Amino acid sequence: MSDTADTLRRFIFEEEEIRGSIVRLDNTWQQLLTNEQYPQQVGQLLGEAAAATALLGCNLKFDGRLTLQIQGNEHLRLLVMQCDNELRLRGLARFGDEPLPDAFTELVDNGTLCVTVESGAKAERYQSIVPLSEINLAECLGLYYRQSVQLPSLFMLAANEQRATGLMLQVMPERKAGNGRWQQLMESLGGLDMMSMSALDDELLITALFPEDDIRLFDSEPVTFHCGCSDTHIENMLRVLGSEELVSLVADQNPVEICCEFCNRQYEVSAERIWGIVAELTGTTESSLH
């Protein structure tokens, strides 16, 4: 396994107002796969989403989280991938009965792509939704940037059972009318096999992709799997269910067993603690609830 595994590396064009990033996920991708047996079509899309979310998340300059979500149909019902400002990923997908269609457009037919950015420090939330109307996830993300951010962007994404990888190119916000180089790049990169290209180390890959350009590569940044679930998060989730649902839940289970959908970690919440949460929600005392 190369030293580029599980890293993201940014770069800029010295003579153009264009920036980019390369990401490769090996161990991180394997950890994302351990919690569910995904059909090939869903697994590939989940891997592409993991690479894309890391590429999007690398622009987070604050203590926050970016969520990429696909809301689909009876085939791909839901896909969620999250990344924080430390490039820590977690994600999952939910799908319908097999067999599933191979084509992306059929797998996500009439679905939507939602990108949400949340700031932990200021509790700010930005969300943008676009239709999944393009031929693949990479093209849908290009549409997302054109419509919601007005920045021409190119995504190249690929995933197999061993690796998820991606490259993003983006015009800088302050860029003036260009000299045609952006369009040349779009044409030259079209149809390239990103998975094969990802076998090259960063310097060779950049040289192969952009032989005519002066590129500055920044230091690589680690990308890891991290769920972040905890007893506190589980209790907050229980509060969202409401008092009536919690009373019904504790009547059936003691203790209440909850499994984190992202990492499969098992939690047990005692009936006593459930009654305590119900008391908090209803403004009563625990003793009056029994």
C-alpha atoms as a PDB file:
ATOM      1  CA  MET A   1       0.000   0.000   0.000  1.00  0.00           C
ATOM      2  CA  SER A   2       1.495   3.360  -1.002  1.00  0.00           C
ATOM      3  CA  ASP A   3       2.174   6.263   1.303  1.00  0.00           C
ATOM      4  CA  THR A   4      -0.621   8.143  -0.472  1.00  0.00           C
ATOM      5  CA  ALA A   5      -3.258   5.840   1.044  1.00  0.00           C
ATOM      6  CA  ASP A   6      -5.887   7.632   3.151  1.00  0.00           C
ATOM      7  CA  THR A   7      -4.647  11.093   2.287  1.00  0.00           C
ATOM      8  CA  LEU A   8      -5.931  14.241   0.670  1.00  0.00           C
ATOM      9  CA  ARG A   9      -3.584  16.612  -1.089  1.00  0.00           C
ATOM     10  CA  ARG A  10      -4.396  20.092  -2.317  1.00  0.00           C
ATOM     11  CA  PHE A  11      -2.710  21.890  -5.180  1.00  0.00           C
ATOM     12  CA  ILE A  12      -2.943  25.134  -7.126  1.00  0.00           C
ATOM     13  CA  PHE A  13      -2.042  26.200 -10.634  1.00  0.00           C
ATOM     14  CA  GLU A  14       0.669  28.852 -10.265  1.00  0.00           C
ATOM     15  CA  GLU A  15      -0.259  30.675 -13.475  1.00  0.00           C
ATOM     16  CA  GLU A  16      -4.016  30.123 -13.379  1.00  0.00           C
ATOM     17  CA  GLU A  17      -6.655  30.924 -10.786  1.00  0.00           C
ATOM     18  CA  ILE A  18      -7.510  27.241 -10.447  1.00  0.00           C
ATOM     19  CA  ARG A  19      -7.197  24.964  -7.426  1.00  0.00           C
ATOM     20  CA  GLY A  20      -7.656  21.272  -6.876  1.00  0.00           C
ATOM     21  CA  SER A  21      -7.439  18.303  -4.518  1.00  0.00           C
ATOM     22  CA  ILE A  22      -6.675  14.588  -4.823  1.00  0.00           C
ATOM     23  CA  VAL A  23      -7.974  12.014  -2.332  1.00  0.00           C
ATOM     24  CA  ARG A  24      -7.329   8.306  -1.930  1.00  0.00           C
ATOM     25  CA  LEU A  25      -9.132   6.181   0.663  1.00  0.00           C
ATOM     26  CA  ASP A  26      -7.959   2.649   1.407  1.00  0.00           C
ATOM     27  CA  ASN A  27      -8.206   1.734   5.128  1.00  0.00           C
ATOM     28  CA  THR A  28     -10.844   4.414   5.640  1.00  0.00           C
ATOM     29  CA  TRP A  29     -12.905   2.977   2.805  1.00  0.00           C
ATOM     30  CA  GLN A  30     -12.568  -0.549   4.187  1.00  0.00           C
ATOM     31  CA  GLN A  31     -13.840   0.625   7.576  1.00  0.00           C
ATOM     32  CA  LEU A  32     -16.842   2.250   5.913  1.00  0.00           C
ATOM     33  CA  LEU A  33     -17.626  -1.091   4.289  1.00  0.00           C
ATOM     34  CA  THR A  34     -17.409  -3.259   7.416  1.00  0.00           C
ATOM     35  CA  ASN A  35     -20.877  -2.445   8.764  1.00  0.00           C
ATOM     36  CA  GLU A  36     -22.987  -3.530   5.801  1.00  0.00           C
ATOM     37  CA  GLN A  37     -22.887  -5.877   2.812  1.00  0.00           C
ATOM     38  CA  TYR A  38     -23.633  -3.550  -0.077  1.00  0.00           C
ATOM     39  CA  PRO A  39     -24.581  -4.604  -3.608  1.00  0.00           C
ATOM     40  CA  GLN A  40     -21.900  -3.614  -6.120  1.00  0.00           C
ATOM     41  CA  GLN A  41     -23.888  -0.657  -7.485  1.00  0.00           C
ATOM     42  CA  VAL A  42     -24.554   0.795  -4.032  1.00  0.00           C
ATOM     43  CA  GLY A  43     -21.025   0.131  -2.775  1.00  0.00           C
ATOM     44  CA  GLN A  44     -19.471   1.889  -5.750  1.00  0.00           C
ATOM     45  CA  LEU A  45     -21.695   4.933  -5.283  1.00  0.00           C
ATOM     46  CA  LEU A  46     -20.989   4.998  -1.540  1.00  0.00           C
ATOM     47  CA  GLY A  47     -17.252   4.974  -2.283  1.00  0.00           C
ATOM     48  CA  GLU A  48     -17.600   7.792  -4.787  1.00  0.00           C
ATOM     49  CA  ALA A  49     -19.603   9.723  -2.187  1.00  0.00           C
ATOM     50  CA  ALA A  50     -16.874   9.147   0.411  1.00  0.00           C
ATOM     51  CA  ALA A  51     -14.195  10.536  -1.910  1.00  0.00           C
ATOM     52  CA  ALA A  52     -16.425  13.445  -2.916  1.00  0.00           C
ATOM     53  CA  THR A  53     -17.303  14.324   0.681  1.00  0.00           C
ATOM     54  CA  ALA A  54     -13.630  14.444   1.646  1.00  0.00           C
ATOM     55  CA  LEU A  55     -12.956  16.718  -1.343  1.00  0.00           C
ATOM     56  CA  LEU A  56     -15.813  18.996  -0.304  1.00  0.00           C
ATOM     57  CA  GLY A  57     -14.947  18.834   3.388  1.00  0.00           C
ATOM     58  CA  CYS A  58     -11.354  19.928   2.888  1.00  0.00           C
ATOM     59  CA  ASN A  59     -12.679  23.451   2.390  1.00  0.00           C
ATOM     60  CA  LEU A  60     -14.146  23.594   5.910  1.00  0.00           C
ATOM     61  CA  LYS A  61     -12.202  26.291   7.735  1.00  0.00           C
ATOM     62  CA  PHE A  62     -14.052  25.994  11.037  1.00  0.00           C
ATOM     63  CA  ASP A  63     -15.169  23.454  13.619  1.00  0.00           C
ATOM     64  CA  GLY A  64     -18.029  22.017  11.652  1.00  0.00           C
ATOM     65  CA  ARG A  65     -19.389  19.203   9.537  1.00  0.00           C
ATOM     66  CA  LEU A  66     -20.362  18.685   5.928  1.00  0.00           C
ATOM     67  CA  THR A  67     -23.049  16.175   5.004  1.00  0.00           C
ATOM     68  CA  LEU A  68     -23.649  14.842   1.509  1.00  0.00           C
ATOM     69  CA  GLN A  69     -27.028  13.143   1.270  1.00  0.00           C
ATOM     70  CA  ILE A  70     -28.795  11.386  -1.564  1.00  0.00           C
ATOM     71  CA  GLN A  71     -32.513  10.951  -1.089  1.00  0.00           C
ATOM     72  CA  GLY A  72     -33.500   8.358  -3.638  1.00  0.00           C
ATOM     73  CA  ASN A  73     -36.333   6.023  -4.471  1.00  0.00           C
ATOM     74  CA  GLU A  74     -37.235   2.363  -4.017  1.00  0.00           C
ATOM     75  CA  HIS A  75     -33.779   1.344  -5.297  1.00  0.00           C
ATOM     76  CA  LEU A  76     -31.357   3.603  -3.430  1.00  0.00           C
ATOM     77  CA  ARG A  77     -33.481   4.879  -0.595  1.00  0.00           C
ATOM     78  CA  LEU A  78     -30.865   6.922   1.239  1.00  0.00           C
ATOM     79  CA  LEU A  79     -27.134   7.602   1.184  1.00  0.00           C
ATOM     80  CA  VAL A  80     -25.450   9.758   3.817  1.00  0.00           C
ATOM     81  CA  MET A  81     -21.768  10.653   4.025  1.00  0.00           C
ATOM     82  CA  GLN A  82     -20.355  13.091   6.579  1.00  0.00           C
ATOM     83  CA  CYS A  83     -16.975  14.763   6.983  1.00  0.00           C
ATOM     84  CA  ASP A  84     -15.726  17.136   9.674  1.00  0.00           C
ATOM     85  CA  ASN A  85     -13.005  19.783   9.499  1.00  0.00           C
ATOM     86  CA  GLU A  86     -10.407  17.172  10.492  1.00  0.00           C
ATOM     87  CA  LEU A  87     -11.307  15.046   7.427  1.00  0.00           C
ATOM     88  CA  ARG A  88     -12.915  12.308   9.510  1.00  0.00           C
ATOM     89  CA  LEU A  89     -15.561  10.400   7.571  1.00  0.00           C
ATOM     90  CA  ARG A  90     -18.575   8.280   8.367  1.00  0.00           C
ATOM     91  CA  GLY A  91     -21.417   7.162   6.138  1.00  0.00           C
ATOM     92  CA  LEU A  92     -24.015   4.590   5.162  1.00  0.00           C
ATOM     93  CA  ALA A  93     -26.525   3.681   2.498  1.00  0.00           C
ATOM     94  CA  ARG A  94     -29.977   2.120   2.569  1.00  0.00           C
ATOM     95  CA  PHE A  95     -31.314   0.293  -0.469  1.00  0.00           C
ATOM     96  CA  GLY A  96     -34.337  -1.649  -1.607  1.00  0.00           C
ATOM     97  CA  ASP A  97     -34.768  -5.221  -2.701  1.00  0.00           C
ATOM     98  CA  GLU A  98     -32.356  -6.583  -5.244  1.00  0.00           C
ATOM     99  CA  PRO A  99     -31.789  -6.823  -8.164  1.00  0.00           C
ATOM    100  CA  LEU A 100     -30.882  -3.165  -8.485  1.00  0.00           C
ATOM    101  CA  PRO A 101     -30.361  -1.309 -11.764  1.00  0.00           C
ATOM    102  CA  ASP A 102     -26.758  -0.798 -12.861  1.00  0.00           C
ATOM    103  CA  ALA A 103     -27.176   2.684 -14.333  1.00  0.00           C
ATOM    104  CA  PHE A 104     -26.757   5.612 -11.921  1.00  0.00           C
ATOM    105  CA  THR A 105     -29.731   7.446 -13.406  1.00  0.00           C
ATOM    106  CA  GLU A 106     -32.028   4.495 -12.711  1.00  0.00           C
ATOM    107  CA  LEU A 107     -30.550   3.773  -9.284  1.00  0.00           C
ATOM    108  CA  VAL A 108     -31.326   7.326  -8.083  1.00  0.00           C
ATOM    109  CA  ASP A 109     -34.285   8.059 -10.380  1.00  0.00           C
ATOM    110  CA  ASN A 110     -36.147  11.219  -9.278  1.00  0.00           C
ATOM    111  CA  GLY A 111     -33.784  11.578  -6.320  1.00  0.00           C
ATOM    112  CA  THR A 112     -32.134  14.688  -4.920  1.00  0.00           C
ATOM    113  CA  LEU A 113     -28.635  15.601  -3.793  1.00  0.00           C
ATOM    114  CA  CYS A 114     -28.413  17.670  -0.617  1.00  0.00           C
ATOM    115  CA  VAL A 115     -25.204  19.225   0.712  1.00  0.00           C
ATOM    116  CA  THR A 116     -25.373  20.647   4.234  1.00  0.00           C
ATOM    117  CA  VAL A 117     -22.645  22.576   6.036  1.00  0.00           C
ATOM    118  CA  GLU A 118     -22.973  23.022   9.800  1.00  0.00           C
ATOM    119  CA  SER A 119     -20.783  25.168  12.020  1.00  0.00           C
ATOM    120  CA  GLY A 120     -20.421  23.752  15.516  1.00  0.00           C
ATOM    121  CA  ALA A 121     -19.177  27.018  16.967  1.00  0.00           C
ATOM    122  CA  LYS A 122     -21.966  29.325  15.782  1.00  0.00           C
ATOM    123  CA  ALA A 123     -24.666  26.738  15.086  1.00  0.00           C
ATOM    124  CA  GLU A 124     -24.954  28.076  11.539  1.00  0.00           C
ATOM    125  CA  ARG A 125     -26.390  25.831   8.850  1.00  0.00           C
ATOM    126  CA  TYR A 126     -26.185  26.141   5.079  1.00  0.00           C
ATOM    127  CA  GLN A 127     -28.006  23.725   2.819  1.00  0.00           C
ATOM    128  CA  SER A 128     -28.342  23.373  -0.925  1.00  0.00           C
ATOM    129  CA  ILE A 129     -30.411  20.841  -2.889  1.00  0.00           C
ATOM    130  CA  VAL A 130     -30.114  19.927  -6.574  1.00  0.00           C
ATOM    131  CA  PRO A 131     -31.798  17.195  -8.623  1.00  0.00           C
ATOM    132  CA  LEU A 132     -29.844  14.047  -9.469  1.00  0.00           C
ATOM    133  CA  SER A 133     -30.348  14.753 -13.142  1.00  0.00           C
ATOM    134  CA  GLU A 134     -26.852  14.027 -14.490  1.00  0.00           C
ATOM    135  CA  ILE A 135     -25.286  10.745 -15.637  1.00  0.00           C
ATOM    136  CA  ASN A 136     -23.211  10.159 -12.480  1.00  0.00           C
ATOM    137  CA  LEU A 137     -22.448  11.611  -9.053  1.00  0.00           C
ATOM    138  CA  ALA A 138     -19.440  13.566 -10.320  1.00  0.00           C
ATOM    139  CA  GLU A 139     -21.587  15.412 -12.878  1.00  0.00           C
ATOM    140  CA  CYS A 140     -24.283  16.047 -10.253  1.00  0.00           C
ATOM    141  CA  LEU A 141     -21.700  17.670  -7.987  1.00  0.00           C
ATOM    142  CA  GLY A 142     -20.572  19.855 -10.861  1.00  0.00           C
ATOM    143  CA  LEU A 143     -24.190  20.957 -11.246  1.00  0.00           C
ATOM    144  CA  TYR A 144     -24.401  21.604  -7.500  1.00  0.00           C
ATOM    145  CA  TYR A 145     -21.444  23.999  -7.658  1.00  0.00           C
ATOM    146  CA  ARG A 146     -22.726  25.772 -10.759  1.00  0.00           C
ATOM    147  CA  GLN A 147     -26.181  26.327  -9.275  1.00  0.00           C
ATOM    148  CA  SER A 148     -25.508  26.937  -5.584  1.00  0.00           C
ATOM    149  CA  VAL A 149     -22.008  28.427  -5.490  1.00  0.00           C
ATOM    150  CA  GLN A 150     -21.547  29.664  -9.073  1.00  0.00           C
ATOM    151  CA  LEU A 151     -18.042  28.174  -9.277  1.00  0.00           C
ATOM    152  CA  PRO A 152     -17.133  26.029 -12.294  1.00  0.00           C
ATOM    153  CA  SER A 153     -15.941  22.717 -10.836  1.00  0.00           C
ATOM    154  CA  LEU A 154     -14.902  19.325 -12.115  1.00  0.00           C
ATOM    155  CA  PHE A 155     -15.112  16.059 -10.168  1.00  0.00           C
ATOM    156  CA  MET A 156     -13.548  12.730 -11.133  1.00  0.00           C
ATOM    157  CA  LEU A 157     -14.634   9.907  -8.825  1.00  0.00           C
ATOM    158  CA  ALA A 158     -14.062   6.159  -8.730  1.00  0.00           C
ATOM    159  CA  ALA A 159     -14.432   3.292  -6.250  1.00  0.00           C
ATOM    160  CA  ASN A 160     -13.974  -0.446  -6.132  1.00  0.00           C
ATOM    161  CA  GLU A 161     -13.757  -2.943  -3.285  1.00  0.00           C
ATOM    162  CA  GLN A 162     -10.243  -1.836  -2.336  1.00  0.00           C
ATOM    163  CA  ARG A 163     -10.131   1.920  -2.871  1.00  0.00           C
ATOM    164  CA  ALA A 164     -12.237   5.053  -3.216  1.00  0.00           C
ATOM    165  CA  THR A 165     -10.565   7.942  -4.974  1.00  0.00           C
ATOM    166  CA  GLY A 166     -11.313  11.314  -6.475  1.00  0.00           C
ATOM    167  CA  LEU A 167     -10.006  14.530  -7.918  1.00  0.00           C
ATOM    168  CA  MET A 168     -11.603  17.963  -7.816  1.00  0.00           C
ATOM    169  CA  LEU A 169     -10.700  21.005  -9.893  1.00  0.00           C
ATOM    170  CA  GLN A 170     -12.294  24.341  -9.197  1.00  0.00           C
ATOM    171  CA  VAL A 171     -12.063  27.889 -10.430  1.00  0.00           C
ATOM    172  CA  MET A 172     -11.117  30.260  -7.614  1.00  0.00           C
ATOM    173  CA  PRO A 173     -13.892  32.664  -6.567  1.00  0.00           C
ATOM    174  CA  GLU A 174     -11.881  35.770  -7.534  1.00  0.00           C
ATOM    175  CA  ARG A 175     -10.990  34.452 -10.997  1.00  0.00           C
ATOM    176  CA  LYS A 176     -11.458  36.915 -13.860  1.00  0.00           C
ATOM    177  CA  ALA A 177     -12.338  36.014 -17.431  1.00  0.00           C
ATOM    178  CA  GLY A 178     -10.005  33.172 -18.304  1.00  0.00           C
ATOM    179  CA  ASN A 179      -7.728  32.462 -21.240  1.00  0.00           C
ATOM    180  CA  GLY A 180      -9.433  29.234 -22.210  1.00  0.00           C
ATOM    181  CA  ARG A 181      -7.273  26.985 -20.044  1.00  0.00           C
ATOM    182  CA  TRP A 182     -10.238  25.823 -17.939  1.00  0.00           C
ATOM    183  CA  GLN A 183     -12.088  24.584 -21.013  1.00  0.00           C
ATOM    184  CA  GLN A 184      -8.926  22.879 -22.258  1.00  0.00           C
ATOM    185  CA  LEU A 185      -8.620  21.065 -18.931  1.00  0.00           C
ATOM    186  CA  MET A 186     -12.237  19.904 -19.087  1.00  0.00           C
ATOM    187  CA  GLU A 187     -11.667  18.443 -22.519  1.00  0.00           C
ATOM    188  CA  SER A 188      -8.319  16.801 -21.727  1.00  0.00           C
ATOM    189  CA  LEU A 189      -9.532  15.117 -18.522  1.00  0.00           C
ATOM    190  CA  GLY A 190     -12.758  13.735 -19.930  1.00  0.00           C
ATOM    191  CA  GLY A 191     -12.876   9.957 -20.061  1.00  0.00           C
ATOM    192  CA  LEU A 192      -9.734   9.311 -18.007  1.00  0.00           C
ATOM    193  CA  ASP A 193      -9.730   6.265 -15.697  1.00  0.00           C
ATOM    194  CA  MET A 194      -9.386   7.814 -12.248  1.00  0.00           C
ATOM    195  CA  MET A 195      -8.905   4.473 -10.507  1.00  0.00           C
ATOM    196  CA  SER A 196      -5.914   3.591 -12.679  1.00  0.00           C
ATOM    197  CA  MET A 197      -4.495   7.090 -12.319  1.00  0.00           C
ATOM    198  CA  SER A 198      -4.737   6.861  -8.529  1.00  0.00           C
ATOM    199  CA  ALA A 199      -2.064   4.140  -8.540  1.00  0.00           C
ATOM    200  CA  LEU A 200       0.513   6.851  -9.325  1.00  0.00           C
ATOM    201  CA  ASP A 201       2.033   8.868  -6.518  1.00  0.00           C
ATOM    202  CA  ASP A 202       0.988  12.505  -6.257  1.00  0.00           C
ATOM    203  CA  GLU A 203       3.865  14.056  -8.188  1.00  0.00           C
ATOM    204  CA  LEU A 204       3.611  11.597 -11.070  1.00  0.00           C
ATOM    205  CA  LEU A 205      -0.168  11.920 -11.174  1.00  0.00           C
ATOM    206  CA  ILE A 206      -0.029  15.721 -11.325  1.00  0.00           C
ATOM    207  CA  THR A 207       2.612  15.581 -14.051  1.00  0.00           C
ATOM    208  CA  ALA A 208       0.566  13.080 -16.047  1.00  0.00           C
ATOM    209  CA  LEU A 209      -2.652  15.086 -15.740  1.00  0.00           C
ATOM    210  CA  PHE A 210      -1.225  18.575 -16.199  1.00  0.00           C
ATOM    211  CA  PRO A 211       2.052  18.309 -18.135  1.00  0.00           C
ATOM    212  CA  GLU A 212       1.829  21.891 -19.422  1.00  0.00           C
ATOM    213  CA  ASP A 213       1.146  23.578 -16.083  1.00  0.00           C
ATOM    214  CA  ASP A 214       3.218  24.783 -13.150  1.00  0.00           C
ATOM    215  CA  ILE A 215       1.541  23.125 -10.140  1.00  0.00           C
ATOM    216  CA  ARG A 216       2.251  23.733  -6.449  1.00  0.00           C
ATOM    217  CA  LEU A 217       1.472  20.705  -4.271  1.00  0.00           C
ATOM    218  CA  PHE A 218       0.739  21.223  -0.589  1.00  0.00           C
ATOM    219  CA  ASP A 219       1.486  18.718   2.167  1.00  0.00           C
ATOM    220  CA  SER A 220      -0.793  15.704   2.327  1.00  0.00           C
ATOM    221  CA  GLU A 221      -3.525  15.585   4.990  1.00  0.00           C
ATOM    222  CA  PRO A 222      -4.718  12.345   6.617  1.00  0.00           C
ATOM    223  CA  VAL A 223      -8.286  11.157   6.074  1.00  0.00           C
ATOM    224  CA  THR A 224      -9.739   8.729   8.622  1.00  0.00           C
ATOM    225  CA  PHE A 225     -12.918   6.931   9.588  1.00  0.00           C
ATOM    226  CA  HIS A 226     -14.503   8.307  12.751  1.00  0.00           C
ATOM    227  CA  CYS A 227     -18.073   7.839  13.887  1.00  0.00           C
ATOM    228  CA  GLY A 228     -18.270  10.119  16.914  1.00  0.00           C
ATOM    229  CA  CYS A 229     -21.279   8.385  18.453  1.00  0.00           C
ATOM    230  CA  SER A 230     -21.467   8.476  22.256  1.00  0.00           C
ATOM    231  CA  ASP A 231     -23.845   7.990  25.175  1.00  0.00           C
ATOM    232  CA  THR A 232     -24.683  11.692  24.972  1.00  0.00           C
ATOM    233  CA  HIS A 233     -25.530  11.481  21.266  1.00  0.00           C
ATOM    234  CA  ILE A 234     -27.709   8.436  21.864  1.00  0.00           C
ATOM    235  CA  GLU A 235     -29.606  10.185  24.644  1.00  0.00           C
ATOM    236  CA  ASN A 236     -30.130  13.246  22.447  1.00  0.00           C
ATOM    237  CA  MET A 237     -31.514  10.970  19.752  1.00  0.00           C
ATOM    238  CA  LEU A 238     -33.906   9.448  22.275  1.00  0.00           C
ATOM    239  CA  ARG A 239     -35.141  12.915  23.243  1.00  0.00           C
ATOM    240  CA  VAL A 240     -36.084  13.531  19.610  1.00  0.00           C
ATOM    241  CA  LEU A 241     -38.418  10.496  19.741  1.00  0.00           C
ATOM    242  CA  GLY A 242     -40.633  12.225  22.302  1.00  0.00           C
ATOM    243  CA  SER A 243     -42.071  11.060  25.616  1.00  0.00           C
ATOM    244  CA  GLU A 244     -44.865   8.835  24.261  1.00  0.00           C
ATOM    245  CA  GLU A 245     -42.521   6.865  22.018  1.00  0.00           C
ATOM    246  CA  LEU A 246     -40.023   6.478  24.875  1.00  0.00           C
ATOM    247  CA  VAL A 247     -42.705   5.148  27.232  1.00  0.00           C
ATOM    248  CA  SER A 248     -43.684   2.577  24.604  1.00  0.00           C
ATOM    249  CA  LEU A 249     -40.026   1.706  24.000  1.00  0.00           C
ATOM    250  CA  VAL A 250     -39.177   1.104  27.644  1.00  0.00           C
ATOM    251  CA  ALA A 251     -42.308  -1.027  28.052  1.00  0.00           C
ATOM    252  CA  ASP A 252     -40.910  -3.450  25.459  1.00  0.00           C
ATOM    253  CA  GLN A 253     -37.218  -3.405  26.430  1.00  0.00           C
ATOM    254  CA  ASN A 254     -35.231  -3.125  29.629  1.00  0.00           C
ATOM    255  CA  PRO A 255     -32.584  -2.035  29.055  1.00  0.00           C
ATOM    256  CA  VAL A 256     -33.278  -0.359  25.703  1.00  0.00           C
ATOM    257  CA  GLU A 257     -30.752  -1.565  23.138  1.00  0.00           C
ATOM    258  CA  ILE A 258     -29.682   0.827  20.401  1.00  0.00           C
ATOM    259  CA  CYS A 259     -27.227   0.198  17.579  1.00  0.00           C
ATOM    260  CA  CYS A 260     -25.366   3.069  15.907  1.00  0.00           C
ATOM    261  CA  GLU A 261     -26.148   2.818  12.202  1.00  0.00           C
ATOM    262  CA  PHE A 262     -22.768   4.276  11.197  1.00  0.00           C
ATOM    263  CA  CYS A 263     -20.414   1.987  13.136  1.00  0.00           C
ATOM    264  CA  ASN A 264     -22.639  -0.798  14.574  1.00  0.00           C
ATOM    265  CA  ARG A 265     -21.610   0.008  18.134  1.00  0.00           C
ATOM    266  CA  GLN A 266     -24.175  -1.307  20.596  1.00  0.00           C
ATOM    267  CA  TYR A 267     -25.561   0.903  23.371  1.00  0.00           C
ATOM    268  CA  GLU A 268     -27.747  -0.033  26.330  1.00  0.00           C
ATOM    269  CA  VAL A 269     -29.869   2.614  28.047  1.00  0.00           C
ATOM    270  CA  SER A 270     -31.427   1.587  31.336  1.00  0.00           C
ATOM    271  CA  ALA A 271     -35.136   1.938  31.995  1.00  0.00           C
ATOM    272  CA  GLU A 272     -34.253   4.282  34.845  1.00  0.00           C
ATOM    273  CA  ARG A 273     -32.439   6.619  32.451  1.00  0.00           C
ATOM    274  CA  ILE A 274     -35.297   6.435  29.936  1.00  0.00           C
ATOM    275  CA  TRP A 275     -37.755   7.471  32.631  1.00  0.00           C
ATOM    276  CA  GLY A 276     -35.405  10.293  33.522  1.00  0.00           C
ATOM    277  CA  ILE A 277     -35.480  11.566  29.943  1.00  0.00           C
ATOM    278  CA  VAL A 278     -39.279  11.280  29.869  1.00  0.00           C
ATOM    279  CA  ALA A 279     -39.417  13.331  33.063  1.00  0.00           C
ATOM    280  CA  GLU A 280     -37.211  15.994  31.463  1.00  0.00           C
ATOM    281  CA  LEU A 281     -39.471  16.153  28.413  1.00  0.00           C
ATOM    282  CA  THR A 282     -42.740  16.298  30.321  1.00  0.00           C
ATOM    283  CA  GLY A 283     -41.622  18.458  33.212  1.00  0.00           C
ATOM    284  CA  THR A 284     -42.676  15.879  35.805  1.00  0.00           C
ATOM    285  CA  THR A 285     -40.834  13.821  38.373  1.00  0.00           C
ATOM    286  CA  GLU A 286     -39.689  10.280  37.669  1.00  0.00           C
ATOM    287  CA  SER A 287     -41.716   8.853  40.570  1.00  0.00           C
ATOM    288  CA  SER A 288     -44.986  10.224  39.181  1.00  0.00           C
ATOM    289  CA  LEU A 289     -44.375   8.460  35.850  1.00  0.00           C
ATOM    290  CA  HIS A 290     -44.353   4.892  37.257  1.00  0.00           C
END
